[in-house]
Amino acid sequence: NRLVTLGDTKSEVFVKCGRPSFQEQRTEMRQQGRTPVTVTVDVWTYNRGPSTFMRTLTFENGRLRELQAGSYGK
């Protein structure tokens, strides 16, 4: 019963989950075959309080690529 699924856009996740507690953005250079490509990585963290696990969502070029559960929030 996930609210979001891999491949969702940042806009879709924002509508479903609201504003994250923390955000960071970076760019990474990666090889695609012999061609270097720039990938924009956004990491959103949701901290919903001490009774819920924190969630970290990682986006690459605006699409959700990874979901992680952390420790209890604060």
N, C-alpha and C. Protein backbone atom coordinates (compact mmCIF):
# COMPACT_ATOMS: atom_id res chain seq x y z
N ASN A 1 0.83 -1.20 0.00
CA ASN A 1 0.00 0.00 0.00
C ASN A 1 0.87 1.25 0.00
N ARG A 2 1.59 1.46 -1.05
CA ARG A 2 2.44 2.65 -1.15
C ARG A 2 1.67 3.77 -1.79
N LEU A 3 1.96 4.95 -1.29
CA LEU A 3 1.36 6.15 -1.86
C LEU A 3 2.02 6.51 -3.18
N VAL A 4 3.33 6.28 -3.27
CA VAL A 4 4.08 6.61 -4.46
C VAL A 4 4.74 5.35 -5.01
N THR A 5 5.10 5.41 -6.29
CA THR A 5 5.77 4.27 -6.91
C THR A 5 6.99 4.76 -7.69
N LEU A 6 7.94 3.87 -7.86
CA LEU A 6 9.13 4.21 -8.64
C LEU A 6 8.70 4.69 -10.02
N GLY A 7 9.34 5.74 -10.48
CA GLY A 7 9.00 6.32 -11.77
C GLY A 7 8.11 7.54 -11.67
N ASP A 8 7.48 7.76 -10.49
CA ASP A 8 6.67 8.96 -10.30
C ASP A 8 7.55 10.20 -10.46
N THR A 9 6.95 11.29 -10.92
CA THR A 9 7.68 12.55 -11.02
C THR A 9 7.70 13.25 -9.66
N LYS A 10 8.58 14.24 -9.53
CA LYS A 10 8.62 15.03 -8.29
C LYS A 10 7.27 15.71 -8.05
N SER A 11 6.64 16.18 -9.10
CA SER A 11 5.33 16.84 -8.96
C SER A 11 4.28 15.88 -8.43
N GLU A 12 4.26 14.67 -8.97
CA GLU A 12 3.29 13.68 -8.50
C GLU A 12 3.51 13.36 -7.02
N VAL A 13 4.76 13.19 -6.63
CA VAL A 13 5.07 12.88 -5.23
C VAL A 13 4.69 14.06 -4.34
N PHE A 14 4.96 15.27 -4.77
CA PHE A 14 4.62 16.44 -3.98
C PHE A 14 3.11 16.51 -3.74
N VAL A 15 2.32 16.25 -4.76
CA VAL A 15 0.86 16.28 -4.62
C VAL A 15 0.40 15.20 -3.63
N LYS A 16 0.99 14.01 -3.70
CA LYS A 16 0.57 12.89 -2.85
C LYS A 16 1.08 13.02 -1.41
N CYS A 17 2.30 13.58 -1.23
CA CYS A 17 2.96 13.54 0.08
C CYS A 17 3.17 14.91 0.72
N GLY A 18 3.06 15.96 -0.05
CA GLY A 18 3.31 17.29 0.49
C GLY A 18 4.78 17.65 0.47
N ARG A 19 5.09 18.77 1.11
CA ARG A 19 6.46 19.30 1.15
C ARG A 19 7.32 18.43 2.05
N PRO A 20 8.50 18.04 1.58
CA PRO A 20 9.40 17.25 2.43
C PRO A 20 9.98 18.09 3.56
N SER A 21 10.44 17.42 4.60
CA SER A 21 11.07 18.11 5.73
C SER A 21 12.44 18.65 5.35
N PHE A 22 13.15 17.91 4.52
CA PHE A 22 14.49 18.30 4.07
C PHE A 22 14.62 17.98 2.58
N GLN A 23 15.39 18.82 1.87
CA GLN A 23 15.66 18.59 0.45
C GLN A 23 17.12 18.89 0.16
N GLU A 24 17.70 18.13 -0.72
CA GLU A 24 19.03 18.47 -1.23
C GLU A 24 19.08 18.09 -2.70
N GLN A 25 19.93 18.79 -3.44
CA GLN A 25 20.08 18.52 -4.86
C GLN A 25 21.55 18.57 -5.22
N ARG A 26 21.94 17.65 -6.10
CA ARG A 26 23.31 17.63 -6.60
C ARG A 26 23.29 17.12 -8.03
N THR A 27 24.39 17.34 -8.73
CA THR A 27 24.54 16.77 -10.06
C THR A 27 25.68 15.77 -10.02
N GLU A 28 25.55 14.72 -10.80
CA GLU A 28 26.57 13.68 -10.91
C GLU A 28 26.88 13.44 -12.37
N MET A 29 28.14 13.21 -12.65
CA MET A 29 28.55 12.82 -14.00
C MET A 29 28.61 11.30 -14.03
N ARG A 30 27.97 10.70 -15.03
CA ARG A 30 27.96 9.25 -15.18
C ARG A 30 28.29 8.89 -16.62
N GLN A 31 28.73 7.68 -16.80
CA GLN A 31 29.02 7.20 -18.16
C GLN A 31 27.80 6.44 -18.68
N GLN A 32 27.42 6.74 -19.87
CA GLN A 32 26.38 5.99 -20.58
C GLN A 32 27.06 5.47 -21.83
N GLY A 33 27.59 4.24 -21.70
CA GLY A 33 28.47 3.75 -22.76
C GLY A 33 29.75 4.54 -22.70
N ARG A 34 30.10 5.19 -23.80
CA ARG A 34 31.30 6.03 -23.83
C ARG A 34 30.99 7.51 -23.63
N THR A 35 29.71 7.81 -23.47
CA THR A 35 29.28 9.20 -23.38
C THR A 35 29.05 9.61 -21.93
N PRO A 36 29.72 10.68 -21.48
CA PRO A 36 29.42 11.19 -20.14
C PRO A 36 28.08 11.94 -20.15
N VAL A 37 27.27 11.69 -19.14
CA VAL A 37 25.98 12.38 -19.01
C VAL A 37 25.88 12.99 -17.62
N THR A 38 25.17 14.09 -17.52
CA THR A 38 24.93 14.74 -16.24
C THR A 38 23.56 14.32 -15.73
N VAL A 39 23.52 13.86 -14.50
CA VAL A 39 22.27 13.44 -13.86
C VAL A 39 22.02 14.35 -12.67
N THR A 40 20.81 14.89 -12.58
CA THR A 40 20.41 15.69 -11.43
C THR A 40 19.77 14.76 -10.41
N VAL A 41 20.31 14.76 -9.21
CA VAL A 41 19.82 13.90 -8.12
C VAL A 41 19.20 14.79 -7.05
N ASP A 42 17.94 14.52 -6.73
CA ASP A 42 17.25 15.20 -5.64
C ASP A 42 16.96 14.18 -4.55
N VAL A 43 17.22 14.54 -3.31
CA VAL A 43 16.93 13.66 -2.18
C VAL A 43 15.96 14.40 -1.26
N TRP A 44 14.79 13.80 -1.07
CA TRP A 44 13.77 14.37 -0.20
C TRP A 44 13.62 13.48 1.02
N THR A 45 13.57 14.10 2.20
CA THR A 45 13.37 13.35 3.44
C THR A 45 12.09 13.83 4.10
N TYR A 46 11.25 12.87 4.49
CA TYR A 46 10.02 13.17 5.21
C TYR A 46 10.17 12.70 6.65
N ASN A 47 9.97 13.63 7.58
CA ASN A 47 10.05 13.35 9.01
C ASN A 47 8.67 13.64 9.58
N ARG A 48 7.92 12.58 9.85
CA ARG A 48 6.54 12.74 10.31
C ARG A 48 6.38 12.59 11.82
N GLY A 49 7.49 12.61 12.54
CA GLY A 49 7.40 12.59 14.00
C GLY A 49 7.89 11.28 14.60
N PRO A 50 7.93 11.21 15.94
CA PRO A 50 8.55 10.10 16.64
C PRO A 50 7.81 8.76 16.54
N SER A 51 6.59 8.74 16.08
CA SER A 51 5.87 7.47 15.99
C SER A 51 5.89 6.88 14.58
N THR A 52 6.62 7.51 13.66
CA THR A 52 6.66 7.07 12.27
C THR A 52 8.10 7.04 11.77
N PHE A 53 8.41 6.05 10.95
CA PHE A 53 9.74 5.99 10.36
C PHE A 53 9.92 7.12 9.35
N MET A 54 11.11 7.71 9.34
CA MET A 54 11.42 8.72 8.33
C MET A 54 11.55 8.02 6.99
N ARG A 55 11.24 8.73 5.93
CA ARG A 55 11.35 8.20 4.56
C ARG A 55 12.27 9.10 3.76
N THR A 56 13.14 8.47 2.98
CA THR A 56 14.02 9.20 2.09
C THR A 56 13.71 8.77 0.66
N LEU A 57 13.42 9.73 -0.19
CA LEU A 57 13.09 9.48 -1.59
C LEU A 57 14.18 10.09 -2.45
N THR A 58 14.70 9.31 -3.37
CA THR A 58 15.75 9.78 -4.27
C THR A 58 15.21 9.83 -5.69
N PHE A 59 15.37 10.99 -6.31
CA PHE A 59 14.93 11.22 -7.68
C PHE A 59 16.16 11.39 -8.57
N GLU A 60 16.08 10.90 -9.78
CA GLU A 60 17.11 11.15 -10.78
C GLU A 60 16.42 11.76 -11.99
N ASN A 61 16.89 12.95 -12.36
CA ASN A 61 16.29 13.70 -13.47
C ASN A 61 14.78 13.81 -13.34
N GLY A 62 14.34 14.05 -12.08
CA GLY A 62 12.92 14.32 -11.83
C GLY A 62 12.04 13.12 -11.65
N ARG A 63 12.59 11.91 -11.71
CA ARG A 63 11.80 10.67 -11.54
C ARG A 63 12.25 9.92 -10.29
N LEU A 64 11.28 9.38 -9.55
CA LEU A 64 11.58 8.64 -8.33
C LEU A 64 12.31 7.34 -8.66
N ARG A 65 13.50 7.17 -8.09
CA ARG A 65 14.32 5.99 -8.36
C ARG A 65 14.52 5.10 -7.15
N GLU A 66 14.37 5.66 -5.92
CA GLU A 66 14.63 4.85 -4.73
C GLU A 66 13.82 5.37 -3.54
N LEU A 67 13.31 4.43 -2.75
CA LEU A 67 12.59 4.73 -1.51
C LEU A 67 13.31 4.02 -0.37
N GLN A 68 13.57 4.74 0.72
CA GLN A 68 14.22 4.11 1.87
C GLN A 68 13.49 4.51 3.13
N ALA A 69 13.37 3.56 4.06
CA ALA A 69 12.84 3.84 5.40
C ALA A 69 14.01 4.02 6.34
N GLY A 70 13.94 5.02 7.18
CA GLY A 70 15.01 5.29 8.14
C GLY A 70 14.57 4.95 9.54
N SER A 71 15.16 5.62 10.49
CA SER A 71 14.79 5.44 11.89
C SER A 71 13.55 6.28 12.19
N TYR A 72 13.09 6.17 13.43
CA TYR A 72 11.93 6.99 13.83
C TYR A 72 12.29 8.47 13.74
N GLY A 73 11.31 9.27 13.39
CA GLY A 73 11.52 10.71 13.28
C GLY A 73 11.66 11.36 14.63
N LYS A 74 11.80 12.66 14.60
CA LYS A 74 11.95 13.44 15.84
C LYS A 74 10.90 14.48 15.92
